[in-house]
Amino acid sequence: MTDKLDILLVDDEVAVQRALKRTLECLIPTNIDTASSGEAGLEACQNKTYDIVISDLSMPGMSGTEFLKQLSHSAPETIRIMLTAHSEAEHVLDAVNEANVWSYLKKPWDDTRLELVIGQAVKMRKTLIERSMLRTALVKAESRRKRAVEGFIGESKALKNVYSIIEKAAPSSASVFITGESGVGKEVAASAIHNLSKRKHDNFVALNCAAIPSELMESEIFGHVKGAFSGAVSNRDGAATQADNGTLFLDELGEMDMGLQAKILRFIQTGAFQRVGSGKLEKVNVRFIAATNRHPLEAIKDGHLREDLFYRLNVIALHLPPLRERGDDVLLLANHFMRCYMSEESKMFSGFSEDAKALLRKFSWPGNVRQLQNLIHSCVVMNDGPLLTASMLASQLPVEQARIQTVAEQERGSIDAASHETAIAEEPFESSASLSSEEMPTLNESDIHTLADIERKAIQDAIAYYEDNVVKAANALGVSPSTLYRKIQQW
């Protein structure tokens, strides 16, 4: 609503229109239009939205009651006021009931009474606008909630592009190939595609190719018959059978044995497979979704992924952005995880302190959403409210607390200086390039280590710190235990 009210006066007497217009213009800032009949009033309301409409009760043709009744349906948030003569008092109640009239004025009106009614109408109009804005906000929140039901939380541009691809891909039967770093939510995306597809009432079957030993993988996918190998005491359905008419998600496809990848390619092309130990062909109707945290072309070059299998599955490509590229989505996710774990752990927190928000924005999140989720869970368990602070977060992060605290304090100072947004740099921490020449450390060639060596030391340190508990070490590093086991085997 603007500073000036838009008011429509509907009366078949021009003298009444003029008198009422003059009085209103003296009382409040207003733009006033007039109409001489109910039909003309409806036409005016089709071309413009009015804050208040004041209509005579008795007019030739369409009555004021009928006019305001129709207006109540087409413009329910417009305040409707009835003008009545003393002789029409018995009809006012009917008008109130039929046309949802908010108030009425008697002819001739008293200026004090008119000022009071209009003043109350202005307050009511503001209330209605606020309710409308609240409804709009609730609709948007519900839209975000529905997306959260599918597992996604965030409104960043990068994530909206993901939403768009999922919404377009879901109704089809085309295969989807998902790429992205560990912890970005590849299985969440695959599940969302399934839940939005025509196959949603059938099974979504997910297999992590990195977590299942290669000698068992074929049986996990295709099943086996009794006696096929030692321990096969009965027939067993594999993922292919379980996913019939549904979706089969093959996560970390590049970790699958190359020989088995050839069988998967044939299965995709024909829809038929053989259980381990059986010579009988079985046919199913399965939609395939695959994922890898490697760059597919690099995995092909390194001999971890068959090129023909990749192109067979890569009908629709979906790349999930890392958390560090999603802006303030990290705050939405952090608040969501806080609410979840508050309920689960019977704790009470009101939110995050400003320095904690700064830290959440600043940190690089190498483990992505999974790392953030584990961090918030840990902080909720280990602390009490009302606020989660930067020091609480820093104590659970696998980096030097002093560095994190410095970043948080710098950011908090930026907020106090009213330059919060510009203070957040793209890099997670201050790089050596930004230091002065006096502050620059002296490095020798022996101080430079390969990324593989750094990764290995970080994993070994974490495992040693948690006394050989690989699960705890993996949670601290923001990766899955199977990733650590695979690294250890490689070493």
Protein backbone atom coordinates (compact mmCIF):
# COMPACT_ATOMS: atom_id res chain seq x y z
CA MET A 1 0.00 0.00 0.00
CA THR A 2 1.36 3.45 -0.96
CA ASP A 3 1.36 6.56 1.27
CA LYS A 4 -1.85 7.71 -0.44
CA LEU A 5 -4.99 5.58 -0.20
CA ASP A 6 -6.80 4.61 -3.40
CA ILE A 7 -10.53 5.01 -2.74
CA LEU A 8 -13.51 4.40 -5.03
CA LEU A 9 -16.83 6.15 -4.35
CA VAL A 10 -19.88 4.50 -5.94
CA ASP A 11 -23.12 6.54 -5.78
CA ASP A 12 -25.72 7.51 -8.37
CA GLU A 13 -25.99 11.03 -6.88
CA VAL A 14 -23.19 13.30 -8.13
CA ALA A 15 -23.73 15.73 -5.24
CA VAL A 16 -23.05 12.94 -2.72
CA GLN A 17 -19.90 11.96 -4.60
CA ARG A 18 -18.56 15.52 -4.54
CA ALA A 19 -19.35 16.13 -0.88
CA LEU A 20 -17.84 12.86 0.28
CA LYS A 21 -14.75 13.38 -1.90
CA ARG A 22 -14.12 16.87 -0.46
CA THR A 23 -14.46 15.59 3.10
CA LEU A 24 -12.14 12.63 2.57
CA GLU A 25 -9.48 14.77 0.89
CA CYS A 26 -9.41 16.99 3.98
CA LEU A 27 -9.04 14.00 6.31
CA ILE A 28 -6.32 11.83 4.70
CA PRO A 29 -3.90 11.76 1.73
CA THR A 30 -5.92 9.96 -0.92
CA ASN A 31 -6.54 9.35 -4.63
CA ILE A 32 -10.29 9.22 -5.19
CA ASP A 33 -12.18 7.84 -8.19
CA THR A 34 -15.93 7.85 -8.62
CA ALA A 35 -18.55 5.68 -10.33
CA SER A 36 -22.31 6.25 -10.72
CA SER A 37 -23.47 2.62 -10.70
CA GLY A 38 -22.54 -0.86 -9.50
CA GLU A 39 -21.73 -1.92 -13.05
CA ALA A 40 -19.37 1.04 -13.48
CA GLY A 41 -17.83 0.29 -10.09
CA LEU A 42 -17.03 -3.30 -11.09
CA GLU A 43 -15.44 -2.09 -14.31
CA ALA A 44 -13.28 0.37 -12.37
CA CYS A 45 -12.18 -2.38 -9.99
CA GLN A 46 -11.12 -4.56 -12.89
CA ASN A 47 -8.65 -1.92 -14.00
CA LYS A 48 -7.34 -0.87 -10.60
CA THR A 49 -6.92 -2.24 -7.08
CA TYR A 50 -8.53 -0.01 -4.44
CA ASP A 51 -7.74 0.09 -0.75
CA ILE A 52 -11.26 1.18 0.18
CA VAL A 53 -14.56 1.15 -1.71
CA ILE A 54 -17.52 3.15 -0.37
CA SER A 55 -20.82 2.30 -2.05
CA ASP A 56 -24.40 3.49 -1.73
CA LEU A 57 -26.89 0.77 -0.76
CA SER A 58 -29.71 1.69 -3.15
CA MET A 59 -28.85 2.50 -6.77
CA PRO A 60 -30.64 2.00 -10.08
CA GLY A 61 -29.74 -1.29 -11.77
CA MET A 62 -27.25 -3.27 -9.68
CA SER A 63 -27.78 -2.67 -5.97
CA GLY A 64 -24.94 -1.71 -3.67
CA THR A 65 -25.30 -5.06 -1.88
CA GLU A 66 -24.86 -7.02 -5.12
CA PHE A 67 -21.96 -4.80 -6.22
CA LEU A 68 -20.07 -5.26 -2.96
CA LYS A 69 -20.89 -8.98 -2.90
CA GLN A 70 -19.22 -9.45 -6.30
CA LEU A 71 -16.33 -7.26 -5.20
CA SER A 72 -15.82 -9.42 -2.12
CA HIS A 73 -15.04 -12.35 -4.43
CA SER A 74 -12.86 -10.53 -6.96
CA ALA A 75 -10.99 -8.29 -4.45
CA PRO A 76 -11.40 -9.80 -0.97
CA GLU A 77 -8.67 -7.63 0.59
CA THR A 78 -10.39 -4.36 -0.38
CA ILE A 79 -12.17 -2.72 2.57
CA ARG A 80 -15.91 -2.42 1.71
CA ILE A 81 -18.02 0.32 3.38
CA MET A 82 -21.78 0.83 2.84
CA LEU A 83 -23.60 4.20 2.62
CA THR A 84 -27.22 4.00 3.81
CA ALA A 85 -30.14 6.35 4.36
CA HIS A 86 -31.98 6.27 7.70
CA SER A 87 -34.94 4.53 6.06
CA GLU A 88 -32.68 1.69 4.87
CA ALA A 89 -31.37 0.69 8.30
CA GLU A 90 -33.25 -2.60 8.29
CA HIS A 91 -31.38 -3.69 5.13
CA VAL A 92 -27.91 -3.05 6.54
CA LEU A 93 -27.67 -6.46 8.25
CA ASP A 94 -28.50 -8.23 4.99
CA ALA A 95 -25.77 -6.25 3.22
CA VAL A 96 -23.26 -7.07 5.94
CA ASN A 97 -24.01 -10.80 5.69
CA GLU A 98 -24.21 -11.07 1.89
CA ALA A 99 -21.45 -8.64 0.85
CA ASN A 100 -19.08 -9.04 3.84
CA VAL A 101 -19.34 -5.30 4.44
CA TRP A 102 -16.79 -4.14 6.97
CA SER A 103 -18.67 -1.02 8.19
CA TYR A 104 -21.38 1.42 7.18
CA LEU A 105 -22.10 5.16 7.23
CA LYS A 106 -25.49 6.83 7.42
CA LYS A 107 -26.56 9.69 5.18
CA PRO A 108 -26.05 12.47 5.97
CA TRP A 109 -22.80 11.44 7.59
CA ASP A 110 -21.13 13.02 10.58
CA ASP A 111 -17.55 14.09 9.77
CA THR A 112 -16.26 12.81 13.14
CA ARG A 113 -17.86 9.43 12.52
CA LEU A 114 -16.49 9.37 8.96
CA GLU A 115 -12.95 10.12 10.19
CA LEU A 116 -13.22 7.36 12.80
CA VAL A 117 -14.47 4.75 10.30
CA ILE A 118 -11.84 5.65 7.68
CA GLY A 119 -9.07 5.60 10.31
CA GLN A 120 -10.11 2.12 11.41
CA ALA A 121 -10.38 1.04 7.77
CA VAL A 122 -6.79 2.14 7.14
CA LYS A 123 -5.57 0.03 10.07
CA MET A 124 -7.60 -2.95 8.85
CA ARG A 125 -6.21 -2.56 5.32
CA LYS A 126 -2.65 -2.63 6.67
CA THR A 127 -3.47 -5.76 8.65
CA LEU A 128 -4.88 -7.46 5.55
CA ILE A 129 -1.78 -6.56 3.54
CA GLU A 130 0.47 -7.96 6.28
CA ARG A 131 -1.58 -11.18 6.28
CA SER A 132 -1.27 -11.39 2.51
CA MET A 133 2.50 -10.96 2.75
CA LEU A 134 2.62 -13.62 5.45
CA ARG A 135 0.63 -16.02 3.28
CA THR A 136 3.04 -15.38 0.41
CA ALA A 137 6.00 -16.02 2.69
CA LEU A 138 4.37 -19.22 3.94
CA VAL A 139 3.81 -20.39 0.36
CA LYS A 140 7.50 -19.78 -0.42
CA ALA A 141 8.50 -21.53 2.80
CA GLU A 142 6.27 -24.46 1.89
CA SER A 143 7.94 -24.62 -1.52
CA ARG A 144 11.32 -24.73 0.18
CA ARG A 145 9.99 -27.36 2.62
CA LYS A 146 8.85 -29.57 -0.25
CA ARG A 147 12.33 -29.35 -1.71
CA ALA A 148 13.74 -30.19 1.70
CA VAL A 149 11.48 -33.26 1.78
CA GLU A 150 13.31 -34.41 -1.33
CA GLY A 151 16.52 -33.95 0.63
CA PHE A 152 17.67 -30.57 -0.69
CA ILE A 153 17.93 -27.38 1.31
CA GLY A 154 19.18 -24.18 -0.30
CA GLU A 155 18.26 -21.30 -2.55
CA SER A 156 21.61 -20.51 -4.16
CA LYS A 157 21.84 -20.05 -7.91
CA ALA A 158 24.02 -23.15 -8.18
CA LEU A 159 21.43 -25.29 -6.39
CA LYS A 160 18.51 -23.85 -8.34
CA ASN A 161 20.21 -25.10 -11.49
CA VAL A 162 20.31 -28.56 -9.87
CA TYR A 163 16.58 -28.29 -9.07
CA SER A 164 15.85 -27.41 -12.68
CA ILE A 165 17.74 -30.39 -14.09
CA ILE A 166 16.15 -32.80 -11.60
CA GLU A 167 12.64 -31.54 -12.34
CA LYS A 168 13.20 -31.94 -16.09
CA ALA A 169 14.98 -35.30 -15.85
CA ALA A 170 12.69 -37.01 -13.34
CA PRO A 171 9.63 -37.69 -15.56
CA SER A 172 11.72 -39.41 -18.26
CA SER A 173 13.28 -42.87 -18.26
CA ALA A 174 16.67 -41.58 -19.44
CA SER A 175 19.78 -42.62 -17.53
CA VAL A 176 21.40 -39.93 -15.38
CA PHE A 177 25.10 -39.59 -14.53
CA ILE A 178 25.80 -37.53 -11.39
CA THR A 179 29.19 -36.03 -10.62
CA GLY A 180 30.45 -34.11 -7.62
CA GLU A 181 32.81 -34.26 -4.67
CA SER A 182 32.27 -36.65 -1.76
CA GLY A 183 29.56 -35.46 0.59
CA VAL A 184 27.67 -33.17 -1.81
CA GLY A 185 24.55 -35.36 -1.83
CA LYS A 186 24.73 -37.53 -4.95
CA GLU A 187 22.48 -40.21 -3.44
CA VAL A 188 20.07 -37.49 -2.30
CA ALA A 189 19.87 -36.25 -5.89
CA ALA A 190 19.32 -39.77 -7.22
CA SER A 191 16.56 -40.36 -4.67
CA ALA A 192 14.93 -37.04 -5.59
CA ILE A 193 14.87 -38.02 -9.27
CA HIS A 194 13.22 -41.31 -8.35
CA ASN A 195 10.67 -39.70 -6.01
CA LEU A 196 9.62 -37.21 -8.69
CA SER A 197 9.33 -39.87 -11.40
CA LYS A 198 6.56 -42.24 -12.46
CA ARG A 199 8.54 -44.99 -10.73
CA LYS A 200 8.20 -43.45 -7.27
CA HIS A 201 5.83 -46.19 -6.04
CA ASP A 202 8.44 -48.89 -6.78
CA ASN A 203 11.85 -49.48 -5.24
CA PHE A 204 14.80 -47.14 -5.21
CA VAL A 205 17.85 -49.40 -4.74
CA ALA A 206 21.24 -47.82 -4.03
CA LEU A 207 24.57 -49.64 -4.19
CA ASN A 208 27.87 -48.12 -3.12
CA CYS A 209 30.40 -49.78 -5.41
CA ALA A 210 33.28 -48.63 -3.20
CA ALA A 211 31.88 -50.21 -0.04
CA ILE A 212 31.26 -53.75 -1.37
CA PRO A 213 34.19 -56.13 -2.00
CA SER A 214 34.66 -56.79 -5.72
CA GLU A 215 34.17 -60.55 -5.32
CA LEU A 216 30.68 -59.95 -3.89
CA MET A 217 29.60 -57.13 -6.17
CA GLU A 218 28.23 -59.29 -9.01
CA SER A 219 26.02 -61.20 -6.57
CA GLU A 220 24.87 -57.94 -4.97
CA ILE A 221 23.74 -56.62 -8.35
CA PHE A 222 22.45 -59.73 -10.12
CA GLY A 223 21.76 -62.12 -7.23
CA HIS A 224 22.76 -65.79 -7.10
CA VAL A 225 21.30 -69.28 -7.04
CA LYS A 226 21.75 -71.86 -4.32
CA GLY A 227 25.17 -73.45 -4.45
CA ALA A 228 26.68 -70.82 -6.74
CA PHE A 229 29.57 -70.40 -4.30
CA SER A 230 30.53 -71.30 -0.76
CA GLY A 231 27.91 -69.87 1.57
CA ALA A 232 25.17 -69.57 -1.07
CA VAL A 233 22.67 -71.73 0.85
CA SER A 234 19.61 -70.40 -1.00
CA ASN A 235 18.57 -68.36 -4.00
CA ARG A 236 18.96 -64.60 -3.48
CA ASP A 237 17.58 -61.64 -5.40
CA GLY A 238 20.07 -58.97 -6.33
CA ALA A 239 19.61 -55.21 -6.73
CA ALA A 240 18.54 -55.64 -10.37
CA THR A 241 15.55 -57.76 -9.38
CA GLN A 242 14.69 -55.56 -6.40
CA ALA A 243 14.71 -52.46 -8.62
CA ASP A 244 12.35 -53.93 -11.26
CA ASN A 245 10.04 -51.08 -12.42
CA GLY A 246 12.01 -48.79 -10.12
CA THR A 247 15.43 -47.15 -10.04
CA LEU A 248 18.91 -48.64 -9.57
CA PHE A 249 21.54 -46.20 -8.31
CA LEU A 250 25.19 -47.21 -8.74
CA ASP A 251 27.27 -44.89 -6.57
CA GLU A 252 31.05 -44.58 -7.08
CA LEU A 253 30.80 -46.51 -10.35
CA GLY A 254 34.50 -45.97 -11.05
CA GLU A 255 35.37 -48.28 -8.13
CA MET A 256 33.67 -51.26 -9.81
CA ASP A 257 35.80 -54.00 -11.38
CA MET A 258 36.24 -53.40 -15.12
CA GLY A 259 35.06 -56.91 -15.99
CA LEU A 260 31.85 -56.37 -14.08
CA GLN A 261 31.41 -52.98 -15.77
CA ALA A 262 31.20 -54.89 -19.09
CA LYS A 263 28.35 -57.00 -17.69
CA ILE A 264 26.60 -53.87 -16.44
CA LEU A 265 26.86 -52.35 -19.93
CA ARG A 266 25.23 -55.44 -21.44
CA PHE A 267 22.53 -55.36 -18.76
CA ILE A 268 21.75 -51.72 -19.58
CA GLN A 269 21.59 -52.40 -23.30
CA THR A 270 19.39 -55.51 -23.11
CA GLY A 271 17.58 -55.25 -19.80
CA ALA A 272 18.55 -58.90 -19.22
CA PHE A 273 21.00 -60.53 -16.80
CA GLN A 274 22.01 -63.86 -15.30
CA ARG A 275 22.25 -64.59 -11.61
CA VAL A 276 25.61 -65.87 -10.39
CA GLY A 277 25.63 -69.63 -10.94
CA SER A 278 22.63 -69.60 -13.30
CA GLY A 279 22.44 -69.88 -17.06
CA LYS A 280 18.91 -68.49 -17.21
CA LEU A 281 18.31 -64.98 -18.54
CA GLU A 282 15.98 -62.74 -16.54
CA LYS A 283 14.53 -59.45 -17.81
CA VAL A 284 13.63 -56.41 -15.73
CA ASN A 285 12.60 -52.81 -16.36
CA VAL A 286 15.07 -50.61 -14.50
CA ARG A 287 16.04 -46.95 -14.68
CA PHE A 288 19.76 -46.40 -14.14
CA ILE A 289 21.40 -43.57 -12.24
CA ALA A 290 25.16 -43.63 -11.70
CA ALA A 291 27.55 -41.36 -9.83
CA THR A 292 31.23 -40.80 -9.21
CA ASN A 293 33.33 -38.32 -7.24
CA ARG A 294 36.07 -38.60 -9.89
CA HIS A 295 36.06 -36.58 -13.08
CA PRO A 296 34.61 -39.14 -15.53
CA LEU A 297 37.07 -38.42 -18.34
CA GLU A 298 40.01 -38.70 -15.93
CA ALA A 299 38.59 -41.98 -14.57
CA ILE A 300 38.37 -43.28 -18.16
CA LYS A 301 41.94 -42.19 -18.87
CA ASP A 302 43.18 -43.84 -15.66
CA GLY A 303 41.44 -47.10 -16.50
CA HIS A 304 38.85 -46.95 -13.71
CA LEU A 305 35.77 -46.43 -15.90
CA ARG A 306 34.78 -47.93 -19.23
CA GLU A 307 34.27 -45.23 -21.82
CA ASP A 308 31.36 -47.03 -23.50
CA LEU A 309 29.62 -47.51 -20.16
CA PHE A 310 30.02 -43.83 -19.28
CA TYR A 311 28.51 -42.62 -22.54
CA ARG A 312 25.71 -45.19 -22.23
CA LEU A 313 24.77 -43.81 -18.80
CA ASN A 314 25.53 -40.14 -19.43
CA VAL A 315 22.26 -39.33 -21.20
CA ILE A 316 21.53 -36.59 -18.68
CA ALA A 317 24.51 -35.08 -16.87
CA LEU A 318 24.00 -33.62 -13.39
CA HIS A 319 26.86 -31.94 -11.53
CA LEU A 320 26.35 -31.14 -7.84
CA PRO A 321 28.28 -28.05 -6.67
CA PRO A 322 30.49 -28.25 -3.57
CA LEU A 323 29.17 -26.53 -0.47
CA ARG A 324 31.83 -23.80 -0.67
CA GLU A 325 30.23 -22.60 -3.94
CA ARG A 326 26.70 -22.36 -2.54
CA GLY A 327 26.95 -19.11 -0.57
CA ASP A 328 24.52 -18.75 2.32
CA ASP A 329 23.06 -22.21 1.73
CA VAL A 330 25.53 -23.26 4.42
CA LEU A 331 23.52 -21.24 6.97
CA LEU A 332 20.20 -22.74 5.84
CA LEU A 333 21.67 -26.22 6.12
CA ALA A 334 23.27 -25.51 9.48
CA ASN A 335 19.97 -24.28 10.90
CA HIS A 336 18.16 -27.32 9.49
CA PHE A 337 20.65 -29.74 11.05
CA MET A 338 20.50 -27.84 14.34
CA ARG A 339 16.71 -28.23 14.50
CA CYS A 340 16.95 -31.93 13.64
CA TYR A 341 19.56 -32.72 16.28
CA MET A 342 17.99 -30.48 18.93
CA SER A 343 14.94 -32.72 18.78
CA GLU A 344 16.96 -35.93 18.58
CA GLU A 345 19.30 -35.02 21.45
CA SER A 346 16.74 -33.13 23.59
CA LYS A 347 18.80 -29.94 23.51
CA MET A 348 17.70 -26.31 23.09
CA PHE A 349 19.51 -23.75 20.93
CA SER A 350 18.13 -20.48 19.57
CA GLY A 351 20.56 -20.22 16.66
CA PHE A 352 24.12 -19.28 15.74
CA SER A 353 26.13 -16.32 16.96
CA GLU A 354 27.37 -13.82 14.37
CA ASP A 355 30.95 -15.08 14.61
CA ALA A 356 29.69 -18.64 14.14
CA LYS A 357 27.82 -17.59 11.00
CA ALA A 358 30.98 -15.92 9.75
CA LEU A 359 32.96 -19.09 10.36
CA LEU A 360 30.36 -21.25 8.60
CA ARG A 361 30.57 -18.95 5.57
CA LYS A 362 34.36 -18.79 5.63
CA PHE A 363 35.28 -22.44 6.06
CA SER A 364 36.07 -24.37 2.85
CA TRP A 365 34.12 -27.57 3.76
CA PRO A 366 36.28 -30.23 2.08
CA GLY A 367 33.76 -32.84 3.25
CA ASN A 368 30.83 -30.75 1.98
CA VAL A 369 27.31 -31.25 3.39
CA ARG A 370 28.21 -34.50 5.15
CA GLN A 371 30.99 -32.73 7.06
CA LEU A 372 28.68 -29.85 8.02
CA GLN A 373 26.01 -32.28 9.21
CA ASN A 374 28.48 -34.18 11.39
CA LEU A 375 29.88 -30.92 12.77
CA ILE A 376 26.47 -29.58 13.83
CA HIS A 377 25.52 -32.93 15.36
CA SER A 378 28.73 -32.98 17.37
CA CYS A 379 28.29 -29.38 18.54
CA VAL A 380 24.70 -29.96 19.63
CA VAL A 381 25.74 -33.03 21.62
CA MET A 382 28.79 -31.44 23.23
CA ASN A 383 27.37 -28.01 24.12
CA ASP A 384 24.39 -26.27 25.69
CA GLY A 385 22.53 -23.24 24.34
CA PRO A 386 21.30 -20.75 23.80
CA LEU A 387 23.71 -19.99 20.93
CA LEU A 388 26.23 -22.06 19.00
CA THR A 389 29.39 -19.95 18.87
CA ALA A 390 32.48 -19.97 16.66
CA SER A 391 34.59 -21.46 19.45
CA MET A 392 32.15 -24.39 19.75
CA LEU A 393 32.36 -25.00 16.01
CA ALA A 394 36.13 -24.55 15.92
CA SER A 395 36.69 -27.13 18.63
CA GLN A 396 35.17 -29.78 16.36
CA LEU A 397 36.86 -28.80 13.09
CA PRO A 398 40.02 -30.62 11.90
CA VAL A 399 42.09 -27.44 11.59
CA GLU A 400 43.93 -25.21 14.02
CA GLN A 401 41.39 -23.58 16.31
CA ALA A 402 43.45 -20.41 16.57
CA ARG A 403 43.28 -19.83 12.82
CA ILE A 404 39.53 -20.38 12.79
CA GLN A 405 38.98 -18.12 15.77
CA THR A 406 41.02 -15.37 14.11
CA VAL A 407 38.87 -15.59 11.00
CA ALA A 408 35.70 -15.43 13.09
CA GLU A 409 36.92 -12.41 15.04
CA GLN A 410 37.92 -10.61 11.85
CA GLU A 411 34.52 -11.30 10.40
CA ARG A 412 32.73 -10.15 13.52
CA GLY A 413 34.69 -6.91 13.36
CA SER A 414 33.58 -6.48 9.77
CA ILE A 415 29.97 -6.94 10.81
CA ASP A 416 30.33 -4.31 13.52
CA ALA A 417 31.74 -2.00 10.86
CA ALA A 418 28.62 -2.57 8.72
CA SER A 419 30.52 -4.21 5.92
CA HIS A 420 29.58 -7.82 6.53
CA GLU A 421 29.05 -8.96 2.95
CA THR A 422 32.21 -7.52 1.45
CA ALA A 423 34.38 -8.88 4.25
CA ILE A 424 33.85 -12.49 3.20
CA ALA A 425 36.61 -13.54 0.81
CA GLU A 426 36.32 -16.37 -1.68
CA GLU A 427 39.20 -18.31 -0.14
CA PRO A 428 38.52 -20.10 3.17
CA PHE A 429 41.54 -18.59 4.92
CA GLU A 430 44.04 -15.82 4.32
CA SER A 431 46.61 -17.02 1.84
CA SER A 432 50.34 -16.39 2.06
CA ALA A 433 50.05 -14.19 -1.04
CA SER A 434 48.24 -11.57 1.06
CA LEU A 435 51.00 -11.34 3.68
CA SER A 436 53.58 -8.61 3.65
CA SER A 437 57.15 -9.44 2.65
CA GLU A 438 58.22 -9.20 6.32
CA GLU A 439 55.55 -11.77 7.31
CA MET A 440 56.27 -14.19 4.47
CA PRO A 441 57.84 -17.42 5.81
CA THR A 442 61.06 -18.65 4.22
CA LEU A 443 60.45 -21.94 2.42
CA ASN A 444 62.89 -24.51 1.15
CA GLU A 445 62.20 -27.11 -1.53
CA SER A 446 62.07 -29.75 1.22
CA ASP A 447 59.09 -27.90 2.75
CA ILE A 448 56.93 -28.57 -0.31
CA HIS A 449 54.96 -31.84 -0.13
CA THR A 450 52.73 -33.52 -2.68
CA LEU A 451 48.98 -33.45 -2.11
CA ALA A 452 49.03 -37.24 -1.83
CA ASP A 453 51.57 -37.03 1.03
CA ILE A 454 49.52 -34.34 2.78
CA GLU A 455 46.35 -36.41 2.41
CA ARG A 456 48.09 -39.53 3.72
CA LYS A 457 49.48 -37.70 6.76
CA ALA A 458 46.07 -36.16 7.55
CA ILE A 459 44.43 -39.58 7.45
CA GLN A 460 47.17 -41.23 9.51
CA ASP A 461 47.03 -38.44 12.11
CA ALA A 462 43.25 -38.69 12.39
CA ILE A 463 43.35 -42.49 12.78
CA ALA A 464 46.09 -42.20 15.40
CA TYR A 465 44.17 -39.49 17.29
CA TYR A 466 41.06 -41.67 17.44
CA GLU A 467 43.10 -44.73 18.49
CA ASP A 468 42.63 -46.66 15.22
CA ASN A 469 38.86 -46.05 15.15
CA VAL A 470 38.44 -45.57 11.40
CA VAL A 471 34.75 -44.61 11.66
CA LYS A 472 35.48 -41.71 14.03
CA ALA A 473 38.46 -40.64 11.94
CA ALA A 474 36.31 -40.65 8.78
CA ASN A 475 33.62 -38.53 10.48
CA ALA A 476 36.25 -36.02 11.60
CA LEU A 477 37.69 -35.81 8.09
CA GLY A 478 34.23 -35.54 6.50
CA VAL A 479 34.53 -38.69 4.36
CA SER A 480 33.02 -42.17 4.45
CA PRO A 481 34.81 -45.02 6.28
CA SER A 482 34.97 -46.97 2.99
CA THR A 483 37.07 -44.14 1.53
CA LEU A 484 39.64 -44.51 4.32
CA TYR A 485 39.69 -48.29 4.01
CA ARG A 486 40.28 -47.94 0.27
CA LYS A 487 43.12 -45.46 0.82
CA ILE A 488 44.75 -47.73 3.38
CA GLN A 489 44.54 -50.70 1.01
CA GLN A 490 46.13 -48.61 -1.75
CA TRP A 491 49.03 -47.70 0.53
